[in-house]
Amino acid sequence: MQKNKDMGKQELKPKYRSLAFYLVLLAGAVVAMTAVRQCSAPRLEQRIDLPAGGDTLNVAIEVSPICVSFSGDTLSGPYYDMIVQAAGEMNRPLKFHPFTRLSDALEWLRDNRCRLVVADIPITADLRRQYRFIEASDVDRLVLVQRADSAGEVSVYTQTDLAGHTVWVPKGSPARMRLHNLAHEIGDTIIVREDPDYGAEQLAMLVHIGELEGGLTVMSRDQAEMSRRRYPDLDASVEISLNQYRGWAMMPRDSLLMDSISAALKRHPS
């Protein structure tokens, strides 16, 4: 049951009804709390308002399969492993601050509550004007994520099929601008909704369990492939953008630290 707001538009936050959704969220909360309790060095820290001092590097890291996830008592993820290895070479202790919304992490960065945002961030012209980037991965593309039925059929087969559809992205996601540009390219309307609470992986999970209005979201191809390993009924065959570089964000004032991290990563490529 969606509530209506200004001029008949539906509110950004969808209502979720299924027991499966709440069970998944509960499991995720338990995992996150266990991670904070059990991980020490480096550790996940819930309180971004209490950044570590001294030479400890405060790192905002996205909770996703490509960045960091938690299994048993182990933190893992390609980006997590990369920054841990680089920091070890630099003899810098780490303190991780997990996030699901990129807009939150970039705010922490601007406020100097962290010095590095580790995420799968598309390096757009607008973001380049505000931040410097460590290119930690190869080029990637944005793809549409939707659920396929038992016969493999989907609702959207091409970009032009998106006309009139609703697509969800995390609040502050650069994918919003790409979708607006795509609407101009196809000469029709694409309704773009920003979710104020969930990141790309959580939105993909909602698509999988059928609890996202419209059933469409956008994420990087690498992220989508990792989500499909967990949820095989997801389809990510429709490309939304051309190749674009992706990276980790830092403030321009941190050029020396950025050079050190970049050099360490180049010595140990993923």
C-alpha atoms as a PDB file:
ATOM      1  CA  MET A   1       0.000   0.000   0.000  1.00  0.00           C
ATOM      2  CA  GLN A   2       1.818   3.119  -1.209  1.00  0.00           C
ATOM      3  CA  LYS A   3       1.016   6.486   0.286  1.00  0.00           C
ATOM      4  CA  ASN A   4       0.484   9.446  -2.008  1.00  0.00           C
ATOM      5  CA  LYS A   5       2.221  12.782  -1.604  1.00  0.00           C
ATOM      6  CA  ASP A   6       2.659  16.041  -3.572  1.00  0.00           C
ATOM      7  CA  MET A   7       0.646  16.109  -6.826  1.00  0.00           C
ATOM      8  CA  GLY A   8      -0.129  12.417  -6.667  1.00  0.00           C
ATOM      9  CA  LYS A   9       3.492  11.232  -6.717  1.00  0.00           C
ATOM     10  CA  GLN A  10       4.285   8.213  -4.612  1.00  0.00           C
ATOM     11  CA  GLU A  11       6.645   8.680  -1.682  1.00  0.00           C
ATOM     12  CA  LEU A  12      10.226   7.597  -2.191  1.00  0.00           C
ATOM     13  CA  LYS A  13      10.264   4.934   0.493  1.00  0.00           C
ATOM     14  CA  PRO A  14       8.273   1.872  -0.549  1.00  0.00           C
ATOM     15  CA  LYS A  15       6.351  -0.167   1.953  1.00  0.00           C
ATOM     16  CA  TYR A  16       7.593  -3.701   2.349  1.00  0.00           C
ATOM     17  CA  ARG A  17       5.133  -6.349   3.375  1.00  0.00           C
ATOM     18  CA  SER A  18       6.610  -9.819   3.065  1.00  0.00           C
ATOM     19  CA  LEU A  19       7.907 -11.855   5.944  1.00  0.00           C
ATOM     20  CA  ALA A  20      10.900 -12.785   3.784  1.00  0.00           C
ATOM     21  CA  PHE A  21      11.972  -9.150   3.591  1.00  0.00           C
ATOM     22  CA  TYR A  22      11.911  -8.677   7.349  1.00  0.00           C
ATOM     23  CA  LEU A  23      13.760 -11.931   7.942  1.00  0.00           C
ATOM     24  CA  VAL A  24      16.500 -10.905   5.526  1.00  0.00           C
ATOM     25  CA  LEU A  25      16.840  -7.492   7.170  1.00  0.00           C
ATOM     26  CA  LEU A  26      16.944  -9.079  10.615  1.00  0.00           C
ATOM     27  CA  ALA A  27      19.678 -11.467   9.502  1.00  0.00           C
ATOM     28  CA  GLY A  28      21.633  -8.540   8.067  1.00  0.00           C
ATOM     29  CA  ALA A  29      21.333  -6.588  11.306  1.00  0.00           C
ATOM     30  CA  VAL A  30      22.569  -9.532  13.365  1.00  0.00           C
ATOM     31  CA  VAL A  31      25.526  -9.974  11.028  1.00  0.00           C
ATOM     32  CA  ALA A  32      26.432  -6.290  11.221  1.00  0.00           C
ATOM     33  CA  MET A  33      26.278  -6.201  15.024  1.00  0.00           C
ATOM     34  CA  THR A  34      28.366  -9.358  15.257  1.00  0.00           C
ATOM     35  CA  ALA A  35      30.935  -7.850  12.916  1.00  0.00           C
ATOM     36  CA  VAL A  36      31.296  -4.748  15.059  1.00  0.00           C
ATOM     37  CA  ARG A  37      31.722  -6.802  18.209  1.00  0.00           C
ATOM     38  CA  GLN A  38      34.176  -9.354  16.876  1.00  0.00           C
ATOM     39  CA  CYS A  39      36.443  -7.380  14.524  1.00  0.00           C
ATOM     40  CA  SER A  40      39.267  -5.437  16.081  1.00  0.00           C
ATOM     41  CA  ALA A  41      42.190  -4.613  13.772  1.00  0.00           C
ATOM     42  CA  PRO A  42      41.105  -3.567  11.273  1.00  0.00           C
ATOM     43  CA  ARG A  43      37.557  -3.233  12.549  1.00  0.00           C
ATOM     44  CA  LEU A  44      34.129  -2.039  11.517  1.00  0.00           C
ATOM     45  CA  GLU A  45      32.911   0.912  13.520  1.00  0.00           C
ATOM     46  CA  GLN A  46      29.284   2.045  13.699  1.00  0.00           C
ATOM     47  CA  ARG A  47      30.023   5.494  15.173  1.00  0.00           C
ATOM     48  CA  ILE A  48      31.369   7.708  12.394  1.00  0.00           C
ATOM     49  CA  ASP A  49      31.125  10.607  14.868  1.00  0.00           C
ATOM     50  CA  LEU A  50      33.980   8.928  16.765  1.00  0.00           C
ATOM     51  CA  PRO A  51      36.769   8.628  14.173  1.00  0.00           C
ATOM     52  CA  ALA A  52      40.082   7.212  15.297  1.00  0.00           C
ATOM     53  CA  GLY A  53      42.919   9.623  16.000  1.00  0.00           C
ATOM     54  CA  GLY A  54      46.666   9.440  15.582  1.00  0.00           C
ATOM     55  CA  ASP A  55      47.963   7.843  12.410  1.00  0.00           C
ATOM     56  CA  THR A  56      44.939   5.536  12.075  1.00  0.00           C
ATOM     57  CA  LEU A  57      43.309   5.883   8.665  1.00  0.00           C
ATOM     58  CA  ASN A  58      39.529   6.263   8.897  1.00  0.00           C
ATOM     59  CA  VAL A  59      37.981   4.527   5.883  1.00  0.00           C
ATOM     60  CA  ALA A  60      34.321   4.595   4.872  1.00  0.00           C
ATOM     61  CA  ILE A  61      33.629   1.310   3.083  1.00  0.00           C
ATOM     62  CA  GLU A  62      30.494   0.229   1.267  1.00  0.00           C
ATOM     63  CA  VAL A  63      28.748  -2.908   2.513  1.00  0.00           C
ATOM     64  CA  SER A  64      28.532  -4.962  -0.683  1.00  0.00           C
ATOM     65  CA  PRO A  65      30.104  -8.120  -2.106  1.00  0.00           C
ATOM     66  CA  ILE A  66      32.695  -6.146  -4.081  1.00  0.00           C
ATOM     67  CA  CYS A  67      33.720  -3.949  -1.119  1.00  0.00           C
ATOM     68  CA  VAL A  68      33.190  -5.709   2.195  1.00  0.00           C
ATOM     69  CA  SER A  69      30.878  -8.444   3.452  1.00  0.00           C
ATOM     70  CA  PHE A  70      30.823 -10.632   6.528  1.00  0.00           C
ATOM     71  CA  SER A  71      30.825 -14.423   6.738  1.00  0.00           C
ATOM     72  CA  GLY A  72      31.175 -16.172  10.079  1.00  0.00           C
ATOM     73  CA  ASP A  73      33.863 -14.194  11.891  1.00  0.00           C
ATOM     74  CA  THR A  74      35.631 -13.050   8.718  1.00  0.00           C
ATOM     75  CA  LEU A  75      35.473  -9.769   6.840  1.00  0.00           C
ATOM     76  CA  SER A  76      36.121 -10.174   3.126  1.00  0.00           C
ATOM     77  CA  GLY A  77      35.725  -8.520  -0.238  1.00  0.00           C
ATOM     78  CA  PRO A  78      38.019  -7.593  -3.141  1.00  0.00           C
ATOM     79  CA  TYR A  79      38.238  -3.907  -2.205  1.00  0.00           C
ATOM     80  CA  TYR A  80      38.570  -4.684   1.509  1.00  0.00           C
ATOM     81  CA  ASP A  81      41.509  -6.987   0.813  1.00  0.00           C
ATOM     82  CA  MET A  82      43.150  -4.358  -1.416  1.00  0.00           C
ATOM     83  CA  ILE A  83      43.047  -1.519   1.117  1.00  0.00           C
ATOM     84  CA  VAL A  84      44.121  -3.785   3.994  1.00  0.00           C
ATOM     85  CA  GLN A  85      47.148  -4.904   1.980  1.00  0.00           C
ATOM     86  CA  ALA A  86      48.007  -1.334   0.959  1.00  0.00           C
ATOM     87  CA  ALA A  87      47.681  -0.046   4.525  1.00  0.00           C
ATOM     88  CA  GLY A  88      49.855  -2.882   5.789  1.00  0.00           C
ATOM     89  CA  GLU A  89      52.588  -1.904   3.367  1.00  0.00           C
ATOM     90  CA  MET A  90      52.283   1.711   4.520  1.00  0.00           C
ATOM     91  CA  ASN A  91      52.289   0.661   8.209  1.00  0.00           C
ATOM     92  CA  ARG A  92      48.998   2.500   8.732  1.00  0.00           C
ATOM     93  CA  PRO A  93      46.356   1.058  11.066  1.00  0.00           C
ATOM     94  CA  LEU A  94      42.812   1.156   9.726  1.00  0.00           C
ATOM     95  CA  LYS A  95      39.401   1.865  11.167  1.00  0.00           C
ATOM     96  CA  PHE A  96      36.490   1.010   8.888  1.00  0.00           C
ATOM     97  CA  HIS A  97      33.138   2.805   8.909  1.00  0.00           C
ATOM     98  CA  PRO A  98      30.544   0.802   6.904  1.00  0.00           C
ATOM     99  CA  PHE A  99      27.868   2.498   4.816  1.00  0.00           C
ATOM    100  CA  THR A 100      25.183   1.644   2.272  1.00  0.00           C
ATOM    101  CA  ARG A 101      24.460   5.151   0.900  1.00  0.00           C
ATOM    102  CA  LEU A 102      27.249   6.859  -1.024  1.00  0.00           C
ATOM    103  CA  SER A 103      25.829  10.289  -0.161  1.00  0.00           C
ATOM    104  CA  ASP A 104      26.482   9.591   3.539  1.00  0.00           C
ATOM    105  CA  ALA A 105      30.083   8.543   2.934  1.00  0.00           C
ATOM    106  CA  LEU A 106      30.855  11.580   0.776  1.00  0.00           C
ATOM    107  CA  GLU A 107      29.438  13.808   3.508  1.00  0.00           C
ATOM    108  CA  TRP A 108      31.773  12.151   6.038  1.00  0.00           C
ATOM    109  CA  LEU A 109      34.641  12.765   3.635  1.00  0.00           C
ATOM    110  CA  ARG A 110      33.828  16.459   3.232  1.00  0.00           C
ATOM    111  CA  ASP A 111      33.468  16.830   7.020  1.00  0.00           C
ATOM    112  CA  ASN A 112      36.882  15.178   7.565  1.00  0.00           C
ATOM    113  CA  ARG A 113      35.347  12.325   9.559  1.00  0.00           C
ATOM    114  CA  CYS A 114      37.028   9.908   7.161  1.00  0.00           C
ATOM    115  CA  ARG A 115      39.821  10.346   4.629  1.00  0.00           C
ATOM    116  CA  LEU A 116      38.967   7.656   2.088  1.00  0.00           C
ATOM    117  CA  VAL A 117      35.723   6.292   0.656  1.00  0.00           C
ATOM    118  CA  VAL A 118      36.125   2.732  -0.611  1.00  0.00           C
ATOM    119  CA  ALA A 119      33.232   1.965  -2.956  1.00  0.00           C
ATOM    120  CA  ASP A 120      32.433   1.200  -6.564  1.00  0.00           C
ATOM    121  CA  ILE A 121      32.023   4.886  -7.498  1.00  0.00           C
ATOM    122  CA  PRO A 122      31.526   5.886 -11.144  1.00  0.00           C
ATOM    123  CA  ILE A 123      33.941   8.754 -11.833  1.00  0.00           C
ATOM    124  CA  THR A 124      31.676  11.345 -13.417  1.00  0.00           C
ATOM    125  CA  ALA A 125      32.690  14.856 -14.491  1.00  0.00           C
ATOM    126  CA  ASP A 126      30.689  16.335 -11.600  1.00  0.00           C
ATOM    127  CA  LEU A 127      32.380  14.143  -8.990  1.00  0.00           C
ATOM    128  CA  ARG A 128      35.818  14.885 -10.460  1.00  0.00           C
ATOM    129  CA  ARG A 129      35.239  18.561  -9.746  1.00  0.00           C
ATOM    130  CA  GLN A 130      34.770  17.808  -6.039  1.00  0.00           C
ATOM    131  CA  TYR A 131      37.011  14.847  -5.266  1.00  0.00           C
ATOM    132  CA  ARG A 132      40.152  13.050  -6.333  1.00  0.00           C
ATOM    133  CA  PHE A 133      39.953   9.375  -7.204  1.00  0.00           C
ATOM    134  CA  ILE A 134      42.065   6.280  -6.843  1.00  0.00           C
ATOM    135  CA  GLU A 135      41.236   4.099  -9.828  1.00  0.00           C
ATOM    136  CA  ALA A 136      41.102   0.787  -7.995  1.00  0.00           C
ATOM    137  CA  SER A 137      39.380  -1.225 -10.708  1.00  0.00           C
ATOM    138  CA  ASP A 138      39.053  -1.537 -14.462  1.00  0.00           C
ATOM    139  CA  VAL A 139      36.371   0.295 -16.400  1.00  0.00           C
ATOM    140  CA  ASP A 140      32.836  -0.892 -15.815  1.00  0.00           C
ATOM    141  CA  ARG A 141      29.299  -0.141 -16.991  1.00  0.00           C
ATOM    142  CA  LEU A 142      25.994   0.538 -15.330  1.00  0.00           C
ATOM    143  CA  VAL A 143      23.413  -2.189 -15.907  1.00  0.00           C
ATOM    144  CA  LEU A 144      19.721  -2.579 -15.197  1.00  0.00           C
ATOM    145  CA  VAL A 145      18.868  -5.208 -12.583  1.00  0.00           C
ATOM    146  CA  GLN A 146      15.468  -6.905 -12.802  1.00  0.00           C
ATOM    147  CA  ARG A 147      13.972 -10.259 -11.914  1.00  0.00           C
ATOM    148  CA  ALA A 148      13.491 -12.913 -14.605  1.00  0.00           C
ATOM    149  CA  ASP A 149      10.603 -15.359 -14.434  1.00  0.00           C
ATOM    150  CA  SER A 150      10.991 -19.139 -14.535  1.00  0.00           C
ATOM    151  CA  ALA A 151      11.193 -19.014 -18.341  1.00  0.00           C
ATOM    152  CA  GLY A 152      13.888 -16.335 -18.266  1.00  0.00           C
ATOM    153  CA  GLU A 153      11.532 -13.593 -19.478  1.00  0.00           C
ATOM    154  CA  VAL A 154      11.962 -10.013 -18.224  1.00  0.00           C
ATOM    155  CA  SER A 155       9.970  -6.785 -18.564  1.00  0.00           C
ATOM    156  CA  VAL A 156      12.787  -4.705 -20.094  1.00  0.00           C
ATOM    157  CA  TYR A 157      14.923  -5.966 -22.990  1.00  0.00           C
ATOM    158  CA  THR A 158      16.398  -2.722 -24.337  1.00  0.00           C
ATOM    159  CA  GLN A 159      17.022   0.818 -23.129  1.00  0.00           C
ATOM    160  CA  THR A 160      13.990   2.075 -25.049  1.00  0.00           C
ATOM    161  CA  ASP A 161      11.792  -0.388 -23.144  1.00  0.00           C
ATOM    162  CA  LEU A 162      12.467   1.708 -20.019  1.00  0.00           C
ATOM    163  CA  ALA A 163      10.038   4.370 -21.231  1.00  0.00           C
ATOM    164  CA  GLY A 164       7.443   4.964 -18.512  1.00  0.00           C
ATOM    165  CA  HIS A 165       9.105   2.577 -16.036  1.00  0.00           C
ATOM    166  CA  THR A 166      10.186   3.385 -12.481  1.00  0.00           C
ATOM    167  CA  VAL A 167      13.839   2.740 -11.629  1.00  0.00           C
ATOM    168  CA  TRP A 168      15.209   2.913  -8.069  1.00  0.00           C
ATOM    169  CA  VAL A 169      18.706   4.057  -7.090  1.00  0.00           C
ATOM    170  CA  PRO A 170      20.282   4.800  -3.681  1.00  0.00           C
ATOM    171  CA  LYS A 171      19.941   8.390  -2.528  1.00  0.00           C
ATOM    172  CA  GLY A 172      22.733  10.500  -4.010  1.00  0.00           C
ATOM    173  CA  SER A 173      23.777   7.851  -6.528  1.00  0.00           C
ATOM    174  CA  PRO A 174      25.494   9.165  -9.703  1.00  0.00           C
ATOM    175  CA  ALA A 175      23.309   6.652 -11.592  1.00  0.00           C
ATOM    176  CA  ARG A 176      20.413   9.099 -11.234  1.00  0.00           C
ATOM    177  CA  MET A 177      22.012  11.557 -13.657  1.00  0.00           C
ATOM    178  CA  ARG A 178      22.767   8.794 -16.152  1.00  0.00           C
ATOM    179  CA  LEU A 179      19.115   7.712 -16.116  1.00  0.00           C
ATOM    180  CA  HIS A 180      17.950  11.285 -16.682  1.00  0.00           C
ATOM    181  CA  ASN A 181      20.331  11.574 -19.641  1.00  0.00           C
ATOM    182  CA  LEU A 182      19.105   8.233 -20.970  1.00  0.00           C
ATOM    183  CA  ALA A 183      15.514   9.498 -20.837  1.00  0.00           C
ATOM    184  CA  HIS A 184      16.521  12.361 -23.143  1.00  0.00           C
ATOM    185  CA  GLU A 185      18.332   9.924 -25.446  1.00  0.00           C
ATOM    186  CA  ILE A 186      15.292   7.677 -25.879  1.00  0.00           C
ATOM    187  CA  GLY A 187      12.901  10.649 -26.040  1.00  0.00           C
ATOM    188  CA  ASP A 188      10.627   9.444 -23.272  1.00  0.00           C
ATOM    189  CA  THR A 189      10.148   9.516 -19.508  1.00  0.00           C
ATOM    190  CA  ILE A 190      12.023   7.298 -17.051  1.00  0.00           C
ATOM    191  CA  ILE A 191      10.770   7.743 -13.485  1.00  0.00           C
ATOM    192  CA  VAL A 192      13.823   7.806 -11.210  1.00  0.00           C
ATOM    193  CA  ARG A 193      13.294   7.234  -7.497  1.00  0.00           C
ATOM    194  CA  GLU A 194      15.973   7.701  -4.844  1.00  0.00           C
ATOM    195  CA  ASP A 195      15.696   5.358  -1.874  1.00  0.00           C
ATOM    196  CA  PRO A 196      16.708   7.146   1.347  1.00  0.00           C
ATOM    197  CA  ASP A 197      17.631   4.006   3.269  1.00  0.00           C
ATOM    198  CA  TYR A 198      19.191   1.310   1.106  1.00  0.00           C
ATOM    199  CA  GLY A 199      22.268   0.834  -1.051  1.00  0.00           C
ATOM    200  CA  ALA A 200      22.665  -0.917  -4.386  1.00  0.00           C
ATOM    201  CA  GLU A 201      22.987  -4.424  -2.960  1.00  0.00           C
ATOM    202  CA  GLN A 202      19.913  -4.015  -0.739  1.00  0.00           C
ATOM    203  CA  LEU A 203      17.862  -2.733  -3.671  1.00  0.00           C
ATOM    204  CA  ALA A 204      18.938  -5.759  -5.720  1.00  0.00           C
ATOM    205  CA  MET A 205      17.793  -7.980  -2.847  1.00  0.00           C
ATOM    206  CA  LEU A 206      14.406  -6.228  -2.882  1.00  0.00           C
ATOM    207  CA  VAL A 207      14.113  -6.862  -6.614  1.00  0.00           C
ATOM    208  CA  HIS A 208      14.867 -10.535  -5.954  1.00  0.00           C
ATOM    209  CA  ILE A 209      12.115 -10.936  -3.344  1.00  0.00           C
ATOM    210  CA  GLY A 210       9.626  -8.845  -5.331  1.00  0.00           C
ATOM    211  CA  GLU A 211       9.338  -6.017  -2.811  1.00  0.00           C
ATOM    212  CA  LEU A 212      10.529  -3.057  -4.890  1.00  0.00           C
ATOM    213  CA  GLU A 213       7.953  -0.934  -6.700  1.00  0.00           C
ATOM    214  CA  GLY A 214       8.524  -1.423 -10.426  1.00  0.00           C
ATOM    215  CA  GLY A 215      11.126  -4.120  -9.804  1.00  0.00           C
ATOM    216  CA  LEU A 216      14.036  -2.221 -11.422  1.00  0.00           C
ATOM    217  CA  THR A 217      17.316  -0.850 -10.092  1.00  0.00           C
ATOM    218  CA  VAL A 218      20.707   0.114 -11.512  1.00  0.00           C
ATOM    219  CA  MET A 219      24.208  -0.842 -10.372  1.00  0.00           C
ATOM    220  CA  SER A 220      27.648  -1.509 -11.827  1.00  0.00           C
ATOM    221  CA  ARG A 221      28.109  -4.659 -13.867  1.00  0.00           C
ATOM    222  CA  ASP A 222      30.610  -6.056 -11.335  1.00  0.00           C
ATOM    223  CA  GLN A 223      28.177  -5.449  -8.476  1.00  0.00           C
ATOM    224  CA  ALA A 224      25.344  -7.005 -10.480  1.00  0.00           C
ATOM    225  CA  GLU A 225      27.334 -10.141 -11.235  1.00  0.00           C
ATOM    226  CA  MET A 226      28.098 -10.612  -7.543  1.00  0.00           C
ATOM    227  CA  SER A 227      24.430 -10.097  -6.660  1.00  0.00           C
ATOM    228  CA  ARG A 228      23.427 -12.658  -9.302  1.00  0.00           C
ATOM    229  CA  ARG A 229      25.625 -15.248  -7.612  1.00  0.00           C
ATOM    230  CA  ARG A 230      23.455 -14.822  -4.518  1.00  0.00           C
ATOM    231  CA  TYR A 231      20.167 -14.377  -6.392  1.00  0.00           C
ATOM    232  CA  PRO A 232      20.308 -16.339  -9.677  1.00  0.00           C
ATOM    233  CA  ASP A 233      16.887 -15.101 -10.806  1.00  0.00           C
ATOM    234  CA  LEU A 234      18.248 -11.581 -11.315  1.00  0.00           C
ATOM    235  CA  ASP A 235      18.903 -10.387 -14.858  1.00  0.00           C
ATOM    236  CA  ALA A 236      21.582  -7.780 -15.645  1.00  0.00           C
ATOM    237  CA  SER A 237      21.750  -8.008 -19.436  1.00  0.00           C
ATOM    238  CA  VAL A 238      20.547  -4.468 -20.268  1.00  0.00           C
ATOM    239  CA  GLU A 239      23.420  -1.972 -20.255  1.00  0.00           C
ATOM    240  CA  ILE A 240      22.586   1.569 -19.160  1.00  0.00           C
ATOM    241  CA  SER A 241      25.913   3.312 -19.799  1.00  0.00           C
ATOM    242  CA  LEU A 242      29.096   3.027 -21.813  1.00  0.00           C
ATOM    243  CA  ASN A 243      32.348   2.064 -20.138  1.00  0.00           C
ATOM    244  CA  GLN A 244      33.329   4.406 -17.324  1.00  0.00           C
ATOM    245  CA  TYR A 245      36.152   4.486 -14.827  1.00  0.00           C
ATOM    246  CA  ARG A 246      35.358   3.666 -11.225  1.00  0.00           C
ATOM    247  CA  GLY A 247      37.336   4.453  -8.121  1.00  0.00           C
ATOM    248  CA  TRP A 248      37.681   5.383  -4.463  1.00  0.00           C
ATOM    249  CA  ALA A 249      37.170   8.990  -3.391  1.00  0.00           C
ATOM    250  CA  MET A 250      39.428  11.319  -1.425  1.00  0.00           C
ATOM    251  CA  MET A 251      39.521  15.070  -0.911  1.00  0.00           C
ATOM    252  CA  PRO A 252      41.942  17.093  -3.064  1.00  0.00           C
ATOM    253  CA  ARG A 253      43.767  18.218   0.077  1.00  0.00           C
ATOM    254  CA  ASP A 254      44.912  14.616   0.687  1.00  0.00           C
ATOM    255  CA  SER A 255      47.116  14.361  -2.411  1.00  0.00           C
ATOM    256  CA  LEU A 256      50.156  12.917  -0.579  1.00  0.00           C
ATOM    257  CA  LEU A 257      48.110  10.175   1.095  1.00  0.00           C
ATOM    258  CA  MET A 258      46.398   9.433  -2.204  1.00  0.00           C
ATOM    259  CA  ASP A 259      49.772   9.046  -3.940  1.00  0.00           C
ATOM    260  CA  SER A 260      50.950   6.637  -1.216  1.00  0.00           C
ATOM    261  CA  ILE A 261      47.817   4.464  -1.429  1.00  0.00           C
ATOM    262  CA  SER A 262      47.904   4.477  -5.249  1.00  0.00           C
ATOM    263  CA  ALA A 263      51.552   3.416  -5.271  1.00  0.00           C
ATOM    264  CA  ALA A 264      50.883   0.585  -2.815  1.00  0.00           C
ATOM    265  CA  LEU A 265      47.924  -0.647  -4.881  1.00  0.00           C
ATOM    266  CA  LYS A 266      49.985  -0.624  -8.080  1.00  0.00           C
ATOM    267  CA  ARG A 267      52.618  -2.816  -6.452  1.00  0.00           C
ATOM    268  CA  HIS A 268      49.900  -5.326  -5.575  1.00  0.00           C
ATOM    269  CA  PRO A 269      47.273  -5.172  -8.337  1.00  0.00           C
ATOM    270  CA  SER A 270      43.989  -7.003  -7.745  1.00  0.00           C
END
